[in-house]
Structure formats: C-alpha cells, structure tokens
Protein backbone atom coordinates (compact mmCIF):
# COMPACT_ATOMS: atom_id res chain seq x y z
CA MET A 1 0.00 0.00 0.00
CA ASN A 2 1.32 3.42 -0.93
CA SER A 3 1.57 6.00 1.78
CA PRO A 4 0.18 9.46 1.08
CA PRO A 5 2.62 12.23 0.22
CA PRO A 6 3.90 14.23 3.17
CA LYS A 7 1.91 17.33 4.03
CA GLY A 8 3.28 20.33 2.16
CA SER A 9 5.24 18.22 -0.33
CA ASP A 10 5.55 19.24 -3.95
CA TRP A 11 4.09 16.05 -5.35
CA SER A 12 0.65 14.67 -5.66
CA ASP A 13 -0.53 11.10 -5.24
CA SER A 14 2.17 9.59 -7.41
CA GLY A 15 2.67 6.22 -5.82
CA ASN A 16 6.23 5.46 -4.83
CA GLN A 17 7.85 8.02 -7.11
CA ALA A 18 10.08 10.57 -5.48
CA PRO A 19 8.97 14.17 -5.63
CA ALA A 20 10.39 16.37 -8.35
CA ARG A 21 13.24 18.52 -7.13
CA LEU A 22 12.60 22.23 -7.44
CA PRO A 23 14.33 23.60 -10.54
CA PRO A 24 16.34 26.80 -10.09
CA CYS A 25 14.19 28.43 -12.77
CA LEU A 26 10.96 28.06 -10.78
CA PRO A 27 10.79 31.74 -9.68
CA ALA A 28 11.26 32.85 -13.30
CA LEU A 29 8.57 30.42 -14.47
CA ARG A 30 6.14 31.72 -11.83
CA ASP A 31 6.92 35.25 -13.03
CA TYR A 32 6.19 34.25 -16.66
CA GLU A 33 2.97 32.59 -15.54
CA LYS A 34 1.85 35.77 -13.76
CA ARG A 35 2.88 38.04 -16.63
CA ILE A 36 0.91 36.00 -19.17
CA SER A 37 -2.11 35.93 -16.85
CA ASP A 38 -1.89 39.71 -16.38
CA LEU A 39 -1.56 40.14 -20.14
CA PHE A 40 -4.80 38.23 -20.74
CA ALA A 41 -6.59 40.46 -18.25
CA GLU A 42 -5.23 43.52 -20.05
CA ILE A 43 -6.10 42.45 -23.60
CA ARG A 44 -9.43 40.77 -22.88
CA TYR A 45 -11.44 43.75 -24.13
CA ALA A 46 -8.78 45.45 -26.25
CA PRO A 47 -6.66 42.82 -28.04
CA ASP A 48 -4.83 45.50 -30.01
CA LYS A 49 -3.03 46.49 -26.78
CA LEU A 50 -0.88 43.41 -27.38
CA ASP A 51 0.56 44.90 -30.59
CA VAL A 52 2.97 47.23 -28.80
CA LYS A 53 4.48 44.55 -26.60
CA ALA A 54 3.99 41.44 -28.74
CA GLY A 55 7.68 40.97 -29.52
CA GLU A 56 8.66 41.19 -25.88
CA VAL A 57 5.84 38.86 -24.82
CA HIS A 58 6.84 36.25 -27.35
CA GLU A 59 10.62 36.41 -27.10
CA LYS A 60 11.10 37.11 -23.41
CA ILE A 61 8.20 35.20 -21.91
CA VAL A 62 6.91 32.47 -24.23
CA VAL A 63 10.26 31.37 -25.68
CA SER A 64 11.98 31.59 -22.28
CA ALA A 65 9.22 29.61 -20.55
CA TYR A 66 9.38 26.96 -23.27
CA ARG A 67 13.17 26.64 -22.96
CA PHE A 68 13.05 26.34 -19.16
CA MET A 69 10.26 23.76 -19.35
CA ASN A 70 12.20 21.65 -21.85
CA THR A 71 15.45 21.77 -19.92
CA GLU A 72 15.33 22.40 -16.19
CA VAL A 73 11.74 21.32 -15.54
CA ALA A 74 12.11 18.20 -17.69
CA GLN A 75 15.29 17.28 -15.77
CA ALA A 76 13.71 18.03 -12.39
CA CYS A 77 10.64 15.95 -13.14
CA GLY A 78 12.42 13.08 -14.83
CA ALA A 79 10.05 10.28 -15.75
CA ARG A 80 7.16 11.95 -13.92
CA TRP A 81 6.61 14.24 -16.92
CA ALA A 82 5.60 11.71 -19.54
CA LYS A 83 7.28 11.95 -22.94
CA LEU A 84 3.86 12.13 -24.59
CA GLU A 85 2.96 15.17 -22.49
CA GLN A 86 6.30 16.78 -23.30
CA LEU A 87 5.59 16.21 -27.00
CA ARG A 88 2.14 17.75 -26.58
CA PHE A 89 3.71 20.79 -24.92
CA ARG A 90 6.22 21.11 -27.78
CA ASN A 91 3.44 20.89 -30.36
CA ILE A 92 1.47 23.59 -28.57
CA TYR A 93 4.56 25.79 -28.45
CA ASN A 94 5.10 25.21 -32.19
CA GLU A 95 1.53 26.35 -32.81
CA VAL A 96 2.24 29.57 -30.89
CA ALA A 97 5.48 30.06 -32.85
CA ASP A 98 3.70 29.52 -36.18
CA ASN A 99 1.01 32.02 -35.25
CA TRP A 100 3.67 34.44 -34.02
CA SER A 101 5.26 34.47 -37.49
CA ALA A 102 1.98 35.52 -39.15
CA TYR A 103 1.27 38.09 -36.44
CA GLN A 104 4.79 39.49 -36.75
CA VAL A 105 4.34 39.96 -40.51
CA GLY A 106 1.09 41.84 -39.90
CA LEU A 107 2.74 44.05 -37.28
CA ALA A 108 5.62 44.85 -39.65
CA GLU A 109 3.17 45.76 -42.43
CA LEU A 110 1.27 48.05 -40.08
CA GLU A 111 4.50 49.71 -38.95
CA LEU A 112 5.62 50.21 -42.56
CA ILE A 113 2.34 51.86 -43.49
CA ARG A 114 2.50 53.99 -40.34
CA ASN A 115 6.02 55.17 -41.27
CA GLN A 116 4.96 55.95 -44.84
CA GLY A 117 1.98 57.95 -43.63
CA GLY A 118 -0.52 55.75 -45.47
CA SER A 119 -3.96 54.59 -44.38
CA ARG A 120 -3.68 52.01 -41.64
CA VAL A 121 -7.28 50.81 -41.81
CA ASP A 122 -6.68 47.92 -44.23
CA ALA A 123 -3.51 46.84 -42.45
CA MET A 124 -5.33 46.90 -39.12
CA ARG A 125 -8.11 44.75 -40.59
CA ARG A 126 -5.59 42.25 -41.96
CA LEU A 127 -3.86 42.16 -38.58
CA LYS A 128 -7.03 41.08 -36.71
CA ALA A 129 -6.95 37.41 -37.76
CA PRO A 130 -3.23 36.80 -37.07
CA ARG A 131 -3.54 38.59 -33.71
CA ARG A 132 -6.61 36.55 -32.78
CA ASP A 133 -4.91 33.30 -33.83
CA TYR A 134 -1.80 34.18 -31.84
CA ILE A 135 -3.82 35.05 -28.74
CA ASN A 136 -5.81 31.81 -29.03
CA ALA A 137 -2.63 29.74 -29.36
CA LEU A 138 -1.07 31.68 -26.47
CA GLU A 139 -4.07 30.86 -24.29
CA VAL A 140 -3.66 27.14 -24.97
CA PHE A 141 0.08 27.41 -24.30
CA TYR A 142 -0.61 29.22 -21.03
CA GLU A 143 -3.16 26.62 -19.88
CA VAL A 144 -0.80 23.71 -20.53
CA PHE A 145 2.27 25.56 -19.23
CA SER A 146 0.52 26.65 -16.04
CA GLY A 147 -1.19 23.30 -15.55
CA THR A 148 2.05 21.36 -15.96
CA LEU A 149 3.93 23.73 -13.68
CA ASN A 150 1.25 23.56 -11.00
CA SER A 151 0.90 19.77 -11.16
CA PHE A 152 4.60 19.25 -10.44
CA PHE A 153 5.29 22.32 -8.31
CA PRO A 154 2.04 23.49 -6.68
CA PRO A 155 2.09 27.13 -5.67
CA PRO A 156 2.46 27.75 -1.95
C-alpha cells in the first residue's frame, strides 16, 4: 500500500515516485505565468493592446518559458513528466510560434504603413486574424504551461 505524500510536499498522489526537485528556474517560471495571466486580463477587451508589446511577450516570456520547461523542468521531473505530455507541450509551443510568425508579418506591415503615412485601416483589418490566432494559441500554451507547472510544483 502506498503511503500518502507528506503534508506540504511538492508532489501529488504519485505512488512510490520521489517528488520532483525544485528547478532553479521556478521563480522565473512563476513570473512568466503571472505576466501572461496579467496580459490576458489587459487584452481581454482590447486585443490591439498586445501589438505594442507582442515581440517582448513572445521572445522574453513564451520562448523563455518553453526553454526552461524543456530543460530544467524536464530534468527536475524526470520520468514523472511523460514523454507524450512533453511532446504535446512542444506541439502547442510550435503552434504559438507559427502564429507568431503571421502576427509578426502583420505588425511589420502596419508599422511600414505607419512610417509611410498611409492609411492604416486595411492593415489593421488584416492584422485582426493573425492577432486573434496568436492570442488563441497563447491561451492554450498558457493553460498547458501553467497546468504542468502547478501539477509538479504546486504554488504555496
């Protein structure tokens, strides 16, 4: 019979498996988690607010979170983070990255038109779909990222 995990441990009912050690990147991952959550609150009613900070969000938060999850978190969790779930996480990240490329093109077009003093209306219309697709993919990424993080390292 398996004994229950010790009170306050960082593992759930996982049988006889040892708990995952806390990766050094955990504070950074919690920060990314909070920043993405705050971003969703900010852009819920005005998605175009993402345009100004989209590059920073993608490069400094999403890419960094993905790298930490694939290195330090994967090492800390060992076999507890199933390879199939890691593959699912990678596929979700790839979806975000693919949508980021289209969104980035739309942002560059809008900036070019802005710099040339042309009408931005058409560019803004064309930007709506890539922005929406990026935000939708980012939401899925956030749910899986946050869920995985919290299942292995529950917040205090």
